[in-house]
C-alpha atoms as a PDB file:
ATOM      1  CA  UNK A   1       0.000   0.000   0.000  1.00  0.00           C
ATOM      2  CA  UNK A   2       1.250   3.520  -0.698  1.00  0.00           C
ATOM      3  CA  UNK A   3      -0.191   6.872   0.359  1.00  0.00           C
ATOM      4  CA  UNK A   4       0.375   9.531  -2.342  1.00  0.00           C
ATOM      5  CA  UNK A   5      -1.368  12.779  -3.207  1.00  0.00           C
ATOM      6  CA  UNK A   6      -3.760  12.554  -0.261  1.00  0.00           C
ATOM      7  CA  UNK A   7      -5.176   9.175  -1.301  1.00  0.00           C
ATOM      8  CA  UNK A   8      -4.217   5.554  -0.723  1.00  0.00           C
ATOM      9  CA  UNK A   9      -3.776   3.436  -3.837  1.00  0.00           C
ATOM     10  CA  UNK A  10      -4.413  -0.232  -3.403  1.00  0.00           C
ATOM     11  CA  UNK A  11      -3.391  -2.558  -6.211  1.00  0.00           C
ATOM     12  CA  UNK A  12      -5.427  -5.723  -6.291  1.00  0.00           C
ATOM     13  CA  UNK A  13      -3.947  -8.578  -8.206  1.00  0.00           C
ATOM     14  CA  UNK A  14      -6.605 -10.885  -9.628  1.00  0.00           C
ATOM     15  CA  UNK A  15      -5.623 -14.261 -10.960  1.00  0.00           C
ATOM     16  CA  UNK A  16      -1.944 -13.397 -10.636  1.00  0.00           C
ATOM     17  CA  UNK A  17      -2.105 -10.538 -13.196  1.00  0.00           C
ATOM     18  CA  UNK A  18      -1.862  -6.813 -12.699  1.00  0.00           C
ATOM     19  CA  UNK A  19      -4.260  -5.857 -15.502  1.00  0.00           C
ATOM     20  CA  UNK A  20      -6.995  -4.506 -13.204  1.00  0.00           C
ATOM     21  CA  UNK A  21      -6.959  -0.747 -12.572  1.00  0.00           C
ATOM     22  CA  UNK A  22      -5.798   0.406  -9.091  1.00  0.00           C
ATOM     23  CA  UNK A  23      -8.395   1.167  -6.428  1.00  0.00           C
ATOM     24  CA  UNK A  24      -7.979   4.478  -4.624  1.00  0.00           C
ATOM     25  CA  UNK A  25      -9.280   5.195  -1.082  1.00  0.00           C
ATOM     26  CA  UNK A  26      -9.489   8.650   0.453  1.00  0.00           C
ATOM     27  CA  UNK A  27      -7.107   9.605   3.284  1.00  0.00           C
ATOM     28  CA  UNK A  28      -9.414   9.337   6.330  1.00  0.00           C
ATOM     29  CA  UNK A  29     -10.846   5.867   5.578  1.00  0.00           C
ATOM     30  CA  UNK A  30      -7.335   4.714   4.690  1.00  0.00           C
ATOM     31  CA  UNK A  31      -5.942   5.996   7.975  1.00  0.00           C
ATOM     32  CA  UNK A  32      -8.726   4.257   9.926  1.00  0.00           C
ATOM     33  CA  UNK A  33      -8.155   1.018   8.063  1.00  0.00           C
ATOM     34  CA  UNK A  34      -4.418   1.203   8.784  1.00  0.00           C
ATOM     35  CA  UNK A  35      -5.076   1.923  12.483  1.00  0.00           C
ATOM     36  CA  UNK A  36      -7.392  -1.093  12.751  1.00  0.00           C
ATOM     37  CA  UNK A  37      -4.875  -3.280  11.030  1.00  0.00           C
ATOM     38  CA  UNK A  38      -1.936  -2.172  13.191  1.00  0.00           C
ATOM     39  CA  UNK A  39      -3.962  -2.535  16.399  1.00  0.00           C
ATOM     40  CA  UNK A  40      -4.173  -6.275  15.906  1.00  0.00           C
ATOM     41  CA  UNK A  41      -2.404  -8.290  18.587  1.00  0.00           C
ATOM     42  CA  UNK A  42      -0.123 -10.004  16.102  1.00  0.00           C
ATOM     43  CA  UNK A  43       1.746  -6.746  15.611  1.00  0.00           C
ATOM     44  CA  UNK A  44       2.350  -6.184  19.353  1.00  0.00           C
ATOM     45  CA  UNK A  45       3.382  -9.601  20.606  1.00  0.00           C
ATOM     46  CA  UNK A  46       6.990  -8.469  21.066  1.00  0.00           C
ATOM     47  CA  UNK A  47       6.234  -5.022  22.520  1.00  0.00           C
ATOM     48  CA  UNK A  48       7.809  -4.272  25.959  1.00  0.00           C
ATOM     49  CA  UNK A  49       5.525  -4.531  28.996  1.00  0.00           C
ATOM     50  CA  UNK A  50       4.234  -1.650  31.084  1.00  0.00           C
ATOM     51  CA  UNK A  51       7.012  -1.957  33.672  1.00  0.00           C
ATOM     52  CA  UNK A  52       9.684  -2.086  30.998  1.00  0.00           C
ATOM     53  CA  UNK A  53       8.240   1.004  29.303  1.00  0.00           C
ATOM     54  CA  UNK A  54       8.194   2.830  32.644  1.00  0.00           C
ATOM     55  CA  UNK A  55      11.823   1.856  33.304  1.00  0.00           C
ATOM     56  CA  UNK A  56      12.837   2.945  29.822  1.00  0.00           C
ATOM     57  CA  UNK A  57      11.115   6.309  30.367  1.00  0.00           C
ATOM     58  CA  UNK A  58      12.840   6.704  33.756  1.00  0.00           C
ATOM     59  CA  UNK A  59      16.299   5.946  32.381  1.00  0.00           C
ATOM     60  CA  UNK A  60      15.707   8.287  29.462  1.00  0.00           C
ATOM     61  CA  UNK A  61      14.714  11.043  31.912  1.00  0.00           C
ATOM     62  CA  UNK A  62      17.712  10.307  34.137  1.00  0.00           C
ATOM     63  CA  UNK A  63      20.049  10.364  31.171  1.00  0.00           C
ATOM     64  CA  UNK A  64      18.692  13.730  30.035  1.00  0.00           C
ATOM     65  CA  UNK A  65      18.996  15.061  33.588  1.00  0.00           C
ATOM     66  CA  UNK A  66      22.640  14.068  33.897  1.00  0.00           C
ATOM     67  CA  UNK A  67      23.308  15.293  30.401  1.00  0.00           C
ATOM     68  CA  UNK A  68      21.873  18.705  31.277  1.00  0.00           C
ATOM     69  CA  UNK A  69      23.831  18.791  34.541  1.00  0.00           C
ATOM     70  CA  UNK A  70      27.043  17.780  32.793  1.00  0.00           C
ATOM     71  CA  UNK A  71      26.647  20.490  30.177  1.00  0.00           C
ATOM     72  CA  UNK A  72      26.133  23.083  32.910  1.00  0.00           C
ATOM     73  CA  UNK A  73      29.086  21.871  35.030  1.00  0.00           C
ATOM     74  CA  UNK A  74      32.628  23.053  34.290  1.00  0.00           C
ATOM     75  CA  UNK A  75      34.556  20.093  32.957  1.00  0.00           C
ATOM     76  CA  UNK A  76      31.476  18.301  31.645  1.00  0.00           C
ATOM     77  CA  UNK A  77      30.900  14.744  32.833  1.00  0.00           C
ATOM     78  CA  UNK A  78      34.183  14.600  34.770  1.00  0.00           C
ATOM     79  CA  UNK A  79      33.328  17.796  36.624  1.00  0.00           C
ATOM     80  CA  UNK A  80      29.861  16.461  37.461  1.00  0.00           C
ATOM     81  CA  UNK A  81      31.415  13.270  38.838  1.00  0.00           C
ATOM     82  CA  UNK A  82      33.616  15.226  41.240  1.00  0.00           C
ATOM     83  CA  UNK A  83      30.672  17.412  42.314  1.00  0.00           C
ATOM     84  CA  UNK A  84      28.607  14.306  43.148  1.00  0.00           C
ATOM     85  CA  UNK A  85      31.598  12.776  44.948  1.00  0.00           C
ATOM     86  CA  UNK A  86      32.019  15.948  47.025  1.00  0.00           C
ATOM     87  CA  UNK A  87      28.319  15.991  48.007  1.00  0.00           C
ATOM     88  CA  UNK A  88      28.470  12.323  49.047  1.00  0.00           C
ATOM     89  CA  UNK A  89      31.585  13.023  51.132  1.00  0.00           C
ATOM     90  CA  UNK A  90      29.894  15.952  52.902  1.00  0.00           C
ATOM     91  CA  UNK A  91      26.787  13.876  53.665  1.00  0.00           C
ATOM     92  CA  UNK A  92      28.967  11.057  54.978  1.00  0.00           C
ATOM     93  CA  UNK A  93      30.864  13.441  57.241  1.00  0.00           C
ATOM     94  CA  UNK A  94      27.607  14.858  58.622  1.00  0.00           C
ATOM     95  CA  UNK A  95      26.247  11.359  59.215  1.00  0.00           C
ATOM     96  CA  UNK A  96      29.416  10.350  61.060  1.00  0.00           C
ATOM     97  CA  UNK A  97      29.420  13.549  63.134  1.00  0.00           C
ATOM     98  CA  UNK A  98      25.727  13.664  64.045  1.00  0.00           C
ATOM     99  CA  UNK A  99      24.945   9.965  64.048  1.00  0.00           C
ATOM    100  CA  UNK A 100      21.728   8.287  62.993  1.00  0.00           C
ATOM    101  CA  UNK A 101      18.664  10.444  63.754  1.00  0.00           C
ATOM    102  CA  UNK A 102      16.543   8.760  66.402  1.00  0.00           C
ATOM    103  CA  UNK A 103      13.195   9.765  67.766  1.00  0.00           C
ATOM    104  CA  UNK A 104      13.122  10.162  71.504  1.00  0.00           C
ATOM    105  CA  UNK A 105      10.856   7.678  73.229  1.00  0.00           C
ATOM    106  CA  UNK A 106       8.193   8.767  75.671  1.00  0.00           C
ATOM    107  CA  UNK A 107      10.279   7.660  78.660  1.00  0.00           C
ATOM    108  CA  UNK A 108      13.182   9.841  77.466  1.00  0.00           C
ATOM    109  CA  UNK A 109      11.189  13.013  76.867  1.00  0.00           C
ATOM    110  CA  UNK A 110      11.969  15.906  79.174  1.00  0.00           C
ATOM    111  CA  UNK A 111       9.503  17.089  81.776  1.00  0.00           C
ATOM    112  CA  UNK A 112      10.033  20.855  81.588  1.00  0.00           C
ATOM    113  CA  UNK A 113      10.387  23.201  78.665  1.00  0.00           C
ATOM    114  CA  UNK A 114      12.946  25.989  78.310  1.00  0.00           C
ATOM    115  CA  UNK A 115      10.985  28.503  80.416  1.00  0.00           C
ATOM    116  CA  UNK A 116      11.320  27.463  84.097  1.00  0.00           C
ATOM    117  CA  UNK A 117       8.493  28.436  86.450  1.00  0.00           C
ATOM    118  CA  UNK A 118       7.860  27.969  90.134  1.00  0.00           C
ATOM    119  CA  UNK A 119       5.668  25.262  91.620  1.00  0.00           C
ATOM    120  CA  UNK A 120       3.043  27.871  92.501  1.00  0.00           C
ATOM    121  CA  UNK A 121       2.951  29.056  88.886  1.00  0.00           C
ATOM    122  CA  UNK A 122       2.519  25.496  87.605  1.00  0.00           C
ATOM    123  CA  UNK A 123      -0.271  24.893  90.108  1.00  0.00           C
ATOM    124  CA  UNK A 124      -2.056  28.063  89.059  1.00  0.00           C
ATOM    125  CA  UNK A 125      -1.764  27.041  85.401  1.00  0.00           C
ATOM    126  CA  UNK A 126      -3.116  23.552  86.158  1.00  0.00           C
ATOM    127  CA  UNK A 127      -6.088  24.935  88.069  1.00  0.00           C
ATOM    128  CA  UNK A 128      -6.859  27.361  85.242  1.00  0.00           C
ATOM    129  CA  UNK A 129      -6.855  24.509  82.712  1.00  0.00           C
ATOM    130  CA  UNK A 130      -9.007  22.364  85.016  1.00  0.00           C
ATOM    131  CA  UNK A 131     -11.549  25.167  85.370  1.00  0.00           C
ATOM    132  CA  UNK A 132     -11.948  25.125  81.572  1.00  0.00           C
ATOM    133  CA  UNK A 133     -12.091  21.336  81.341  1.00  0.00           C
ATOM    134  CA  UNK A 134      -8.720  21.075  79.612  1.00  0.00           C
ATOM    135  CA  UNK A 135      -7.703  17.943  81.497  1.00  0.00           C
ATOM    136  CA  UNK A 136      -4.636  17.052  79.435  1.00  0.00           C
ATOM    137  CA  UNK A 137      -2.999  20.402  80.115  1.00  0.00           C
ATOM    138  CA  UNK A 138      -4.181  20.335  83.735  1.00  0.00           C
ATOM    139  CA  UNK A 139      -2.484  16.958  84.298  1.00  0.00           C
ATOM    140  CA  UNK A 140       0.716  18.116  82.642  1.00  0.00           C
ATOM    141  CA  UNK A 141       0.971  21.284  84.711  1.00  0.00           C
ATOM    142  CA  UNK A 142       0.118  19.475  87.960  1.00  0.00           C
ATOM    143  CA  UNK A 143       2.887  16.940  87.404  1.00  0.00           C
ATOM    144  CA  UNK A 144       5.304  19.774  86.733  1.00  0.00           C
ATOM    145  CA  UNK A 145       4.123  21.468  89.922  1.00  0.00           C
ATOM    146  CA  UNK A 146       4.821  18.284  91.906  1.00  0.00           C
ATOM    147  CA  UNK A 147       8.368  17.940  90.586  1.00  0.00           C
ATOM    148  CA  UNK A 148       9.144  21.644  90.885  1.00  0.00           C
ATOM    149  CA  UNK A 149       7.892  21.617  94.476  1.00  0.00           C
ATOM    150  CA  UNK A 150      10.229  18.729  95.324  1.00  0.00           C
ATOM    151  CA  UNK A 151      13.093  20.651  93.763  1.00  0.00           C
ATOM    152  CA  UNK A 152      12.237  23.745  95.769  1.00  0.00           C
ATOM    153  CA  UNK A 153      12.243  21.638  98.947  1.00  0.00           C
ATOM    154  CA  UNK A 154      15.659  20.215  97.972  1.00  0.00           C
ATOM    155  CA  UNK A 155      14.219  16.704  97.803  1.00  0.00           C
ATOM    156  CA  UNK A 156      15.262  16.636  94.151  1.00  0.00           C
ATOM    157  CA  UNK A 157      18.295  18.249  92.587  1.00  0.00           C
ATOM    158  CA  UNK A 158      17.468  20.847  89.945  1.00  0.00           C
ATOM    159  CA  UNK A 159      18.506  19.076  86.772  1.00  0.00           C
ATOM    160  CA  UNK A 160      17.561  20.241  83.270  1.00  0.00           C
ATOM    161  CA  UNK A 161      16.414  17.475  80.963  1.00  0.00           C
ATOM    162  CA  UNK A 162      14.916  15.314  83.716  1.00  0.00           C
ATOM    163  CA  UNK A 163      12.035  13.087  82.632  1.00  0.00           C
ATOM    164  CA  UNK A 164       8.871  12.365  84.591  1.00  0.00           C
ATOM    165  CA  UNK A 165       9.948   8.744  85.137  1.00  0.00           C
ATOM    166  CA  UNK A 166      13.340   9.828  86.428  1.00  0.00           C
ATOM    167  CA  UNK A 167      11.781  12.372  88.783  1.00  0.00           C
ATOM    168  CA  UNK A 168       9.353   9.783  90.161  1.00  0.00           C
ATOM    169  CA  UNK A 169      12.135   7.239  90.743  1.00  0.00           C
ATOM    170  CA  UNK A 170      14.396   9.768  92.472  1.00  0.00           C
ATOM    171  CA  UNK A 171      11.597  11.211  94.616  1.00  0.00           C
ATOM    172  CA  UNK A 172      10.518   7.720  95.640  1.00  0.00           C
ATOM    173  CA  UNK A 173      13.823   7.217  97.436  1.00  0.00           C
ATOM    174  CA  UNK A 174      13.124  10.207  99.702  1.00  0.00           C
ATOM    175  CA  UNK A 175       9.369   9.624  99.928  1.00  0.00           C
ATOM    176  CA  UNK A 176       9.000   5.829  99.794  1.00  0.00           C
ATOM    177  CA  UNK A 177       5.424   5.894 101.064  1.00  0.00           C
ATOM    178  CA  UNK A 178       4.405   7.625  97.818  1.00  0.00           C
ATOM    179  CA  UNK A 179       6.579   5.677  95.364  1.00  0.00           C
ATOM    180  CA  UNK A 180       3.698   3.924  93.605  1.00  0.00           C
ATOM    181  CA  UNK A 181       1.631   7.085  93.291  1.00  0.00           C
ATOM    182  CA  UNK A 182       4.616   9.008  91.928  1.00  0.00           C
ATOM    183  CA  UNK A 183       5.234   6.353  89.295  1.00  0.00           C
ATOM    184  CA  UNK A 184       1.563   6.307  88.346  1.00  0.00           C
ATOM    185  CA  UNK A 185       1.612  10.105  88.016  1.00  0.00           C
ATOM    186  CA  UNK A 186       4.681   9.900  85.764  1.00  0.00           C
ATOM    187  CA  UNK A 187       2.957   7.315  83.550  1.00  0.00           C
ATOM    188  CA  UNK A 188      -0.115   9.512  83.338  1.00  0.00           C
ATOM    189  CA  UNK A 189       2.027  12.468  82.304  1.00  0.00           C
ATOM    190  CA  UNK A 190       3.807  10.410  79.613  1.00  0.00           C
ATOM    191  CA  UNK A 191       0.563   8.934  78.282  1.00  0.00           C
ATOM    192  CA  UNK A 192      -1.007  12.362  77.931  1.00  0.00           C
ATOM    193  CA  UNK A 193       2.037  14.217  76.647  1.00  0.00           C
ATOM    194  CA  UNK A 194       3.660  11.657  74.367  1.00  0.00           C
ATOM    195  CA  UNK A 195       1.286   8.707  74.070  1.00  0.00           C
ATOM    196  CA  UNK A 196      -1.613  10.533  72.450  1.00  0.00           C
ATOM    197  CA  UNK A 197      -4.072   9.607  75.211  1.00  0.00           C
ATOM    198  CA  UNK A 198      -6.661  11.852  76.798  1.00  0.00           C
ATOM    199  CA  UNK A 199      -6.858  12.541  80.512  1.00  0.00           C
ATOM    200  CA  UNK A 200     -10.050  12.945  82.489  1.00  0.00           C
ATOM    201  CA  UNK A 201     -11.177  14.841  85.529  1.00  0.00           C
ATOM    202  CA  UNK A 202     -10.397  11.931  87.866  1.00  0.00           C
ATOM    203  CA  UNK A 203      -6.801  11.729  86.632  1.00  0.00           C
ATOM    204  CA  UNK A 204      -6.322  15.407  87.372  1.00  0.00           C
ATOM    205  CA  UNK A 205      -7.802  15.114  90.864  1.00  0.00           C
ATOM    206  CA  UNK A 206      -5.518  12.169  91.653  1.00  0.00           C
ATOM    207  CA  UNK A 207      -2.467  14.276  90.794  1.00  0.00           C
ATOM    208  CA  UNK A 208      -3.810  17.256  92.728  1.00  0.00           C
ATOM    209  CA  UNK A 209      -4.352  15.050  95.780  1.00  0.00           C
ATOM    210  CA  UNK A 210      -0.843  13.626  95.440  1.00  0.00           C
ATOM    211  CA  UNK A 211       0.540  17.151  95.232  1.00  0.00           C
ATOM    212  CA  UNK A 212      -1.215  18.135  98.463  1.00  0.00           C
ATOM    213  CA  UNK A 213      -0.127  14.969 100.249  1.00  0.00           C
ATOM    214  CA  UNK A 214       3.503  15.466  99.254  1.00  0.00           C
ATOM    215  CA  UNK A 215       3.394  19.008 100.570  1.00  0.00           C
ATOM    216  CA  UNK A 216       2.451  17.622 104.005  1.00  0.00           C
ATOM    217  CA  UNK A 217       4.979  14.787 103.961  1.00  0.00           C
ATOM    218  CA  UNK A 218       8.469  14.772 105.451  1.00  0.00           C
ATOM    219  CA  UNK A 219      11.255  12.940 103.646  1.00  0.00           C
ATOM    220  CA  UNK A 220      12.553   9.642 104.945  1.00  0.00           C
ATOM    221  CA  UNK A 221      15.399   9.994 107.449  1.00  0.00           C
ATOM    222  CA  UNK A 222      18.159   7.416 107.424  1.00  0.00           C
ATOM    223  CA  UNK A 223      18.173   5.348 110.609  1.00  0.00           C
ATOM    224  CA  UNK A 224      14.946   6.838 111.966  1.00  0.00           C
ATOM    225  CA  UNK A 225      12.958   4.402 114.101  1.00  0.00           C
ATOM    226  CA  UNK A 226      10.428   6.503 115.954  1.00  0.00           C
ATOM    227  CA  UNK A 227       6.872   6.678 114.738  1.00  0.00           C
ATOM    228  CA  UNK A 228       7.169  10.391 114.193  1.00  0.00           C
ATOM    229  CA  UNK A 229      10.077   9.868 111.841  1.00  0.00           C
ATOM    230  CA  UNK A 230       8.669   7.007 109.816  1.00  0.00           C
ATOM    231  CA  UNK A 231       9.343   7.311 106.036  1.00  0.00           C
ATOM    232  CA  UNK A 232       6.615   9.408 104.483  1.00  0.00           C
ATOM    233  CA  UNK A 233       5.066  10.383 107.797  1.00  0.00           C
ATOM    234  CA  UNK A 234       2.830  13.429 107.560  1.00  0.00           C
ATOM    235  CA  UNK A 235       3.864  16.618 109.315  1.00  0.00           C
END
């Protein structure tokens, strides 16, 4: 078949002779006939699959990208190679210096932020949140008030970066009668702050009661045997 002068000429051989006149078909029907013929499966049995075509397109794009980068880099492909090598070396040095990024777990998250406040200020903030029904924030501030109060009473050393679990464990050594409640308060703080859980009114009141009890409690005295000096005895 040949397409000339806007028409397709089809020569039909009858009986092995070429005496019959050629048959001409207009362009549009000829194009449609050719499309139908070429769409037959027999012509596409050896075509690459979808994944192969996607890979071919990706490598073509990557080749053009590097070609463009090489043409824009002094020294061409050699210059681009040294630029890539330099970037890899810098990234490797940063990785070695900073180490692998790791997300801090809930038990390793610090209790206080960078703006220290007194125990009274934390208590006032917790009560304000409780009055509005913001129990998560009320629990957080009450736990901070408890730890700050113990620091102010010198029952805990003032140490930046301390976690709620660490504070509860350290305070439990001076106030053993309240060890379990301190640990429970620390877990509540972690669950609310880092575990995505929601606190309720009862959780807040438990921390507020613990705060008041700790205020009335003397620390354990080494070697004390009298009833008045029992560990955790109330003043």
